[in-house]
């Protein structure tokens, strides 16, 4: 997001194992905010929330084994 006053994410620890994954997912959704909402016990699958001021939210299931995110639902 580049507008003045728009929220921005700053990674506190860029060496964290999920930092590169977060950066990659965030780059896939320009102008949107990305959150890791939940994950399986082994951490192999992550529910990712994507939202913005004009998007009430979408949920994706990211699979670490395939490296792909599958669309789950749109929030209304």
Protein backbone atom coordinates (compact mmCIF):
# COMPACT_ATOMS: atom_id res chain seq x y z
CA UNK A 1 0.00 0.00 0.00
CA UNK A 2 1.43 3.33 -0.92
CA UNK A 3 -1.27 5.85 0.01
CA UNK A 4 -0.55 8.20 2.90
CA UNK A 5 -2.09 6.86 6.08
CA UNK A 6 -2.51 3.34 4.69
CA UNK A 7 -1.41 0.52 7.01
CA UNK A 8 1.98 -1.01 6.33
CA UNK A 9 3.60 -4.18 7.60
CA UNK A 10 7.16 -4.12 8.88
CA UNK A 11 8.73 -7.46 9.68
CA UNK A 12 10.37 -7.31 13.10
CA UNK A 13 12.62 -10.32 12.50
CA UNK A 14 13.43 -10.79 8.82
CA UNK A 15 15.44 -13.92 9.70
CA UNK A 16 12.33 -15.68 11.06
CA UNK A 17 11.53 -18.83 9.05
CA UNK A 18 8.15 -17.41 7.94
CA UNK A 19 9.44 -13.95 6.96
CA UNK A 20 10.27 -14.93 3.37
CA UNK A 21 6.95 -16.75 3.02
CA UNK A 22 5.05 -13.72 4.33
CA UNK A 23 6.91 -11.36 1.98
CA UNK A 24 6.21 -13.64 -0.98
CA UNK A 25 2.50 -13.91 -0.18
CA UNK A 26 2.20 -10.16 0.44
CA UNK A 27 3.81 -9.47 -2.95
CA UNK A 28 1.17 -11.71 -4.56
CA UNK A 29 -1.59 -9.41 -3.29
CA UNK A 30 -0.47 -5.82 -4.00
CA UNK A 31 -2.51 -3.16 -2.21
CA UNK A 32 -3.89 -5.72 0.25
CA UNK A 33 -2.94 -6.68 3.79
CA UNK A 34 -2.04 -10.30 4.48
CA UNK A 35 -2.41 -12.13 7.82
CA UNK A 36 -1.59 -15.67 8.83
CA UNK A 37 -4.92 -16.49 10.52
CA UNK A 38 -4.45 -20.13 11.51
CA UNK A 39 -2.40 -23.22 10.73
CA UNK A 40 -2.39 -26.96 11.12
CA UNK A 41 -0.60 -28.47 14.12
CA UNK A 42 2.43 -29.32 11.98
CA UNK A 43 2.44 -25.88 10.30
CA UNK A 44 2.32 -27.36 6.79
CA UNK A 45 -0.96 -25.60 5.91
CA UNK A 46 -1.79 -21.99 6.75
CA UNK A 47 -5.07 -20.09 6.48
CA UNK A 48 -4.17 -16.72 4.99
CA UNK A 49 -6.50 -13.69 5.24
CA UNK A 50 -6.22 -11.04 2.54
CA UNK A 51 -8.09 -7.73 2.91
CA UNK A 52 -8.05 -3.99 2.31
CA UNK A 53 -10.23 -0.91 2.65
CA UNK A 54 -12.12 -2.01 -0.48
CA UNK A 55 -11.97 -5.79 0.09
CA UNK A 56 -13.77 -7.14 3.18
CA UNK A 57 -11.58 -10.20 3.04
CA UNK A 58 -10.68 -13.39 1.27
CA UNK A 59 -9.37 -16.58 2.81
CA UNK A 60 -6.81 -18.84 1.18
CA UNK A 61 -5.27 -22.12 2.25
CA UNK A 62 -1.52 -22.07 1.67
CA UNK A 63 0.16 -25.47 1.40
CA UNK A 64 3.89 -25.42 2.18
CA UNK A 65 4.40 -28.73 0.37
CA UNK A 66 3.08 -27.44 -2.97
CA UNK A 67 3.91 -23.76 -2.43
CA UNK A 68 0.41 -22.83 -3.61
CA UNK A 69 -2.49 -20.94 -2.09
CA UNK A 70 -6.01 -22.19 -2.82
CA UNK A 71 -8.96 -19.77 -2.61
CA UNK A 72 -11.41 -20.76 0.14
CA UNK A 73 -13.98 -17.98 0.46
CA UNK A 74 -14.85 -14.28 0.17
CA UNK A 75 -16.15 -12.43 3.21
CA UNK A 76 -19.25 -10.33 2.64
